[in-house]
Every structure is written in structure tokens, then in C-alpha cells.
Amino acid sequence: MASKSKIEKQKRNALMIAKYAEKRKELKEAGDYEALAKLPRSSSRTRLRRLCQLTGRPRGNYRKFQISRIMLRDMALDGLIPGMKKSSW
């Protein structure tokens, strides 16, 4: 499980990305890479990592549910995800 500080940092980065998105787009279209380099590093979308919304786990996440594979399985077994059930063959 990720620390709470990692999860909070991710939220701050998401806000910064939203704040600078329009400015970054304008600078890229103008081709002004020097001004683009002066913007904060964390304002780039590639710095954002997809984390589980429940545990903060960085790996094995499903985009559709925004949770990790482990939490998805637990929630499915508890019946919290409609239409999903455990399969065996």
C-alpha cells in the first residue's frame, strides 16, 4: 500500500497539470520550447502515474475501475461490482 503522502502528491500533481494544460498546449503549438522548459516539471501529463484509488498501489490497475487487480477481486467476491463474479474452469 502506498503511503498517504504519495497519494496526496499525486492529487497535487493532477491539479498542477490542469492548471498549466492550456499554457503548455499554446507553447507547444508556437514551438517555444525554451519557455516550455521553464514551466514546472510536474505540470507535464507524463509525470502523472495511475494509482489505485483505494490503496494507492501503482501496479496492476484497471483503467475502467481505477482500482488495482487485488481490490477488484476483493470487491467482486463481496458482490460490490454488478455483473462480475468469480470464474473457475
N, C-alpha and C. Protein backbone atom coordinates (compact mmCIF):
# COMPACT_ATOMS: atom_id res chain seq x y z
N MET A 1 0.84 -1.17 0.00
CA MET A 1 0.00 0.00 0.00
C MET A 1 0.88 1.24 0.00
N ALA A 2 0.56 2.17 -0.85
CA ALA A 2 1.33 3.40 -0.93
C ALA A 2 1.08 4.27 0.29
N SER A 3 2.07 5.07 0.60
CA SER A 3 1.90 5.96 1.74
C SER A 3 0.90 7.07 1.38
N LYS A 4 0.33 7.66 2.40
CA LYS A 4 -0.66 8.71 2.17
C LYS A 4 -0.02 9.92 1.50
N SER A 5 1.28 10.14 1.78
CA SER A 5 1.95 11.27 1.17
C SER A 5 2.06 11.10 -0.35
N LYS A 6 2.25 9.87 -0.82
CA LYS A 6 2.31 9.61 -2.26
C LYS A 6 0.97 9.91 -2.92
N ILE A 7 -0.09 9.51 -2.25
CA ILE A 7 -1.43 9.74 -2.80
C ILE A 7 -1.73 11.24 -2.85
N GLU A 8 -1.36 11.95 -1.80
CA GLU A 8 -1.59 13.41 -1.76
C GLU A 8 -0.73 14.12 -2.81
N LYS A 9 0.50 13.65 -2.99
CA LYS A 9 1.38 14.25 -4.00
C LYS A 9 0.77 14.06 -5.39
N GLN A 10 0.19 12.91 -5.62
CA GLN A 10 -0.45 12.62 -6.90
C GLN A 10 -1.61 13.58 -7.15
N LYS A 11 -2.38 13.87 -6.10
CA LYS A 11 -3.50 14.81 -6.23
C LYS A 11 -3.01 16.22 -6.54
N ARG A 12 -1.93 16.65 -5.87
CA ARG A 12 -1.36 17.97 -6.14
C ARG A 12 -0.85 18.07 -7.57
N ASN A 13 -0.20 17.00 -8.03
CA ASN A 13 0.30 16.99 -9.41
C ASN A 13 -0.84 17.07 -10.41
N ALA A 14 -1.95 16.40 -10.13
CA ALA A 14 -3.10 16.44 -11.03
C ALA A 14 -3.66 17.86 -11.13
N LEU A 15 -3.68 18.58 -10.01
CA LEU A 15 -4.14 19.97 -10.02
C LEU A 15 -3.20 20.86 -10.82
N MET A 16 -1.89 20.63 -10.67
CA MET A 16 -0.91 21.43 -11.40
C MET A 16 -1.00 21.16 -12.90
N ILE A 17 -1.24 19.93 -13.28
CA ILE A 17 -1.38 19.58 -14.69
C ILE A 17 -2.58 20.30 -15.29
N ALA A 18 -3.68 20.32 -14.56
CA ALA A 18 -4.88 21.01 -15.03
C ALA A 18 -4.64 22.51 -15.14
N LYS A 19 -3.87 23.05 -14.22
CA LYS A 19 -3.60 24.49 -14.19
C LYS A 19 -2.78 24.94 -15.41
N TYR A 20 -1.78 24.15 -15.77
CA TYR A 20 -0.86 24.53 -16.84
C TYR A 20 -1.18 23.90 -18.19
N ALA A 21 -2.24 23.14 -18.31
CA ALA A 21 -2.54 22.41 -19.54
C ALA A 21 -2.70 23.34 -20.74
N GLU A 22 -3.46 24.40 -20.59
CA GLU A 22 -3.70 25.33 -21.70
C GLU A 22 -2.42 26.04 -22.11
N LYS A 23 -1.65 26.47 -21.14
CA LYS A 23 -0.40 27.18 -21.42
C LYS A 23 0.59 26.27 -22.13
N ARG A 24 0.70 25.02 -21.68
CA ARG A 24 1.60 24.06 -22.32
C ARG A 24 1.18 23.81 -23.77
N LYS A 25 -0.12 23.72 -24.01
CA LYS A 25 -0.63 23.49 -25.35
C LYS A 25 -0.26 24.66 -26.28
N GLU A 26 -0.44 25.89 -25.79
CA GLU A 26 -0.12 27.07 -26.60
C GLU A 26 1.37 27.12 -26.92
N LEU A 27 2.21 26.83 -25.92
CA LEU A 27 3.66 26.89 -26.14
C LEU A 27 4.12 25.80 -27.11
N LYS A 28 3.51 24.63 -27.05
CA LYS A 28 3.87 23.56 -27.98
C LYS A 28 3.50 23.92 -29.41
N GLU A 29 2.31 24.50 -29.57
CA GLU A 29 1.88 24.89 -30.91
C GLU A 29 2.76 25.99 -31.48
N ALA A 30 3.22 26.92 -30.62
CA ALA A 30 4.10 28.01 -31.06
C ALA A 30 5.53 27.52 -31.28
N GLY A 31 5.86 26.37 -30.71
CA GLY A 31 7.22 25.84 -30.86
C GLY A 31 8.22 26.50 -29.93
N ASP A 32 7.74 27.11 -28.87
CA ASP A 32 8.61 27.80 -27.90
C ASP A 32 9.03 26.83 -26.81
N TYR A 33 10.05 26.05 -27.11
CA TYR A 33 10.47 25.00 -26.18
C TYR A 33 11.28 25.54 -25.01
N GLU A 34 11.87 26.71 -25.17
CA GLU A 34 12.61 27.33 -24.05
C GLU A 34 11.64 27.74 -22.94
N ALA A 35 10.53 28.36 -23.33
CA ALA A 35 9.53 28.76 -22.34
C ALA A 35 8.85 27.52 -21.74
N LEU A 36 8.71 26.50 -22.55
CA LEU A 36 8.10 25.26 -22.08
C LEU A 36 8.97 24.61 -21.01
N ALA A 37 10.28 24.70 -21.19
CA ALA A 37 11.22 24.12 -20.23
C ALA A 37 11.22 24.87 -18.90
N LYS A 38 10.78 26.11 -18.91
CA LYS A 38 10.77 26.92 -17.68
C LYS A 38 9.54 26.65 -16.81
N LEU A 39 8.56 25.97 -17.38
CA LEU A 39 7.39 25.62 -16.59
C LEU A 39 7.77 24.54 -15.57
N PRO A 40 6.99 24.37 -14.50
CA PRO A 40 7.30 23.33 -13.51
C PRO A 40 7.28 21.94 -14.14
N ARG A 41 8.19 21.10 -13.68
CA ARG A 41 8.28 19.74 -14.21
C ARG A 41 6.98 18.96 -14.00
N SER A 42 6.39 19.14 -12.86
CA SER A 42 5.20 18.36 -12.52
C SER A 42 3.96 18.80 -13.30
N SER A 43 4.09 19.81 -14.15
CA SER A 43 2.94 20.25 -14.94
C SER A 43 2.78 19.43 -16.21
N SER A 44 3.71 18.50 -16.46
CA SER A 44 3.63 17.64 -17.63
C SER A 44 2.75 16.43 -17.31
N ARG A 45 1.91 16.03 -18.28
CA ARG A 45 1.00 14.90 -18.06
C ARG A 45 1.73 13.58 -17.89
N THR A 46 2.92 13.47 -18.44
CA THR A 46 3.64 12.21 -18.35
C THR A 46 4.16 11.95 -16.94
N ARG A 47 4.18 12.96 -16.09
CA ARG A 47 4.64 12.78 -14.71
C ARG A 47 3.57 12.14 -13.83
N LEU A 48 2.34 12.10 -14.31
CA LEU A 48 1.23 11.56 -13.53
C LEU A 48 1.23 10.03 -13.65
N ARG A 49 1.09 9.37 -12.52
CA ARG A 49 1.09 7.91 -12.51
C ARG A 49 -0.30 7.43 -12.12
N ARG A 50 -0.76 6.39 -12.75
CA ARG A 50 -2.08 5.85 -12.45
C ARG A 50 -1.99 5.00 -11.20
N LEU A 51 -2.65 5.41 -10.13
CA LEU A 51 -2.64 4.69 -8.86
C LEU A 51 -4.04 4.17 -8.55
N CYS A 52 -4.09 3.13 -7.74
CA CYS A 52 -5.37 2.62 -7.25
C CYS A 52 -6.01 3.69 -6.39
N GLN A 53 -7.30 3.93 -6.60
CA GLN A 53 -7.99 4.97 -5.85
C GLN A 53 -8.25 4.57 -4.39
N LEU A 54 -8.19 3.28 -4.10
CA LEU A 54 -8.46 2.81 -2.74
C LEU A 54 -7.19 2.62 -1.93
N THR A 55 -6.17 2.03 -2.55
CA THR A 55 -4.95 1.68 -1.80
C THR A 55 -3.73 2.47 -2.22
N GLY A 56 -3.74 3.06 -3.41
CA GLY A 56 -2.58 3.77 -3.90
C GLY A 56 -1.56 2.87 -4.57
N ARG A 57 -1.92 1.63 -4.82
CA ARG A 57 -0.99 0.69 -5.46
C ARG A 57 -0.69 1.16 -6.89
N PRO A 58 0.61 1.23 -7.26
CA PRO A 58 0.97 1.77 -8.57
C PRO A 58 0.90 0.77 -9.72
N ARG A 59 0.86 -0.52 -9.42
CA ARG A 59 0.89 -1.51 -10.49
C ARG A 59 -0.37 -2.36 -10.51
N GLY A 60 -0.68 -2.88 -11.68
CA GLY A 60 -1.82 -3.79 -11.82
C GLY A 60 -3.15 -3.09 -11.64
N ASN A 61 -3.30 -1.92 -12.29
CA ASN A 61 -4.55 -1.18 -12.17
C ASN A 61 -5.41 -1.34 -13.41
N TYR A 62 -6.71 -1.40 -13.20
CA TYR A 62 -7.66 -1.43 -14.29
C TYR A 62 -8.16 -0.02 -14.53
N ARG A 63 -8.00 0.46 -15.77
CA ARG A 63 -8.41 1.83 -16.09
C ARG A 63 -9.91 2.04 -15.90
N LYS A 64 -10.68 1.06 -16.29
CA LYS A 64 -12.14 1.20 -16.24
C LYS A 64 -12.63 1.44 -14.81
N PHE A 65 -12.05 0.75 -13.85
CA PHE A 65 -12.50 0.86 -12.47
C PHE A 65 -11.61 1.76 -11.63
N GLN A 66 -10.40 2.06 -12.09
CA GLN A 66 -9.40 2.87 -11.38
C GLN A 66 -9.02 2.26 -10.04
N ILE A 67 -9.01 0.94 -10.00
CA ILE A 67 -8.56 0.25 -8.79
C ILE A 67 -7.61 -0.89 -9.20
N SER A 68 -6.86 -1.37 -8.23
CA SER A 68 -5.89 -2.42 -8.51
C SER A 68 -6.59 -3.77 -8.69
N ARG A 69 -5.86 -4.70 -9.25
CA ARG A 69 -6.41 -6.02 -9.52
C ARG A 69 -6.81 -6.72 -8.23
N ILE A 70 -6.07 -6.47 -7.16
CA ILE A 70 -6.35 -7.11 -5.88
C ILE A 70 -7.66 -6.59 -5.29
N MET A 71 -7.83 -5.28 -5.32
CA MET A 71 -9.06 -4.69 -4.80
C MET A 71 -10.25 -5.04 -5.68
N LEU A 72 -10.01 -5.15 -6.99
CA LEU A 72 -11.09 -5.54 -7.90
C LEU A 72 -11.58 -6.94 -7.56
N ARG A 73 -10.66 -7.84 -7.31
CA ARG A 73 -11.04 -9.21 -6.96
C ARG A 73 -11.80 -9.26 -5.64
N ASP A 74 -11.31 -8.52 -4.63
CA ASP A 74 -11.98 -8.50 -3.34
C ASP A 74 -13.39 -7.92 -3.45
N MET A 75 -13.52 -6.83 -4.21
CA MET A 75 -14.83 -6.21 -4.37
C MET A 75 -15.78 -7.11 -5.16
N ALA A 76 -15.26 -7.83 -6.14
CA ALA A 76 -16.09 -8.75 -6.93
C ALA A 76 -16.57 -9.90 -6.06
N LEU A 77 -15.69 -10.42 -5.21
CA LEU A 77 -16.08 -11.52 -4.33
C LEU A 77 -17.12 -11.08 -3.31
N ASP A 78 -17.05 -9.80 -2.89
CA ASP A 78 -18.03 -9.27 -1.95
C ASP A 78 -19.33 -8.86 -2.63
N GLY A 79 -19.35 -8.90 -3.97
CA GLY A 79 -20.56 -8.54 -4.70
C GLY A 79 -20.76 -7.05 -4.86
N LEU A 80 -19.69 -6.27 -4.78
CA LEU A 80 -19.80 -4.82 -4.87
C LEU A 80 -19.74 -4.31 -6.31
N ILE A 81 -19.35 -5.17 -7.25
CA ILE A 81 -19.28 -4.77 -8.65
C ILE A 81 -20.36 -5.55 -9.39
N PRO A 82 -21.40 -4.86 -9.89
CA PRO A 82 -22.52 -5.54 -10.54
C PRO A 82 -22.08 -6.31 -11.78
N GLY A 83 -22.58 -7.52 -11.92
CA GLY A 83 -22.33 -8.32 -13.10
C GLY A 83 -21.01 -9.08 -13.09
N MET A 84 -20.20 -8.90 -12.08
CA MET A 84 -18.91 -9.59 -12.03
C MET A 84 -18.98 -10.68 -10.98
N LYS A 85 -18.51 -11.85 -11.39
CA LYS A 85 -18.48 -12.95 -10.44
C LYS A 85 -17.21 -13.76 -10.67
N LYS A 86 -16.83 -14.55 -9.69
CA LYS A 86 -15.63 -15.36 -9.77
C LYS A 86 -15.84 -16.48 -10.78
N SER A 87 -14.83 -16.67 -11.59
CA SER A 87 -14.90 -17.71 -12.62
C SER A 87 -13.93 -18.82 -12.30
N SER A 88 -14.31 -20.04 -12.61
CA SER A 88 -13.41 -21.17 -12.46
C SER A 88 -13.68 -22.16 -13.58
N TRP A 89 -12.64 -22.84 -14.03
CA TRP A 89 -12.78 -23.81 -15.11
C TRP A 89 -11.83 -24.95 -14.96
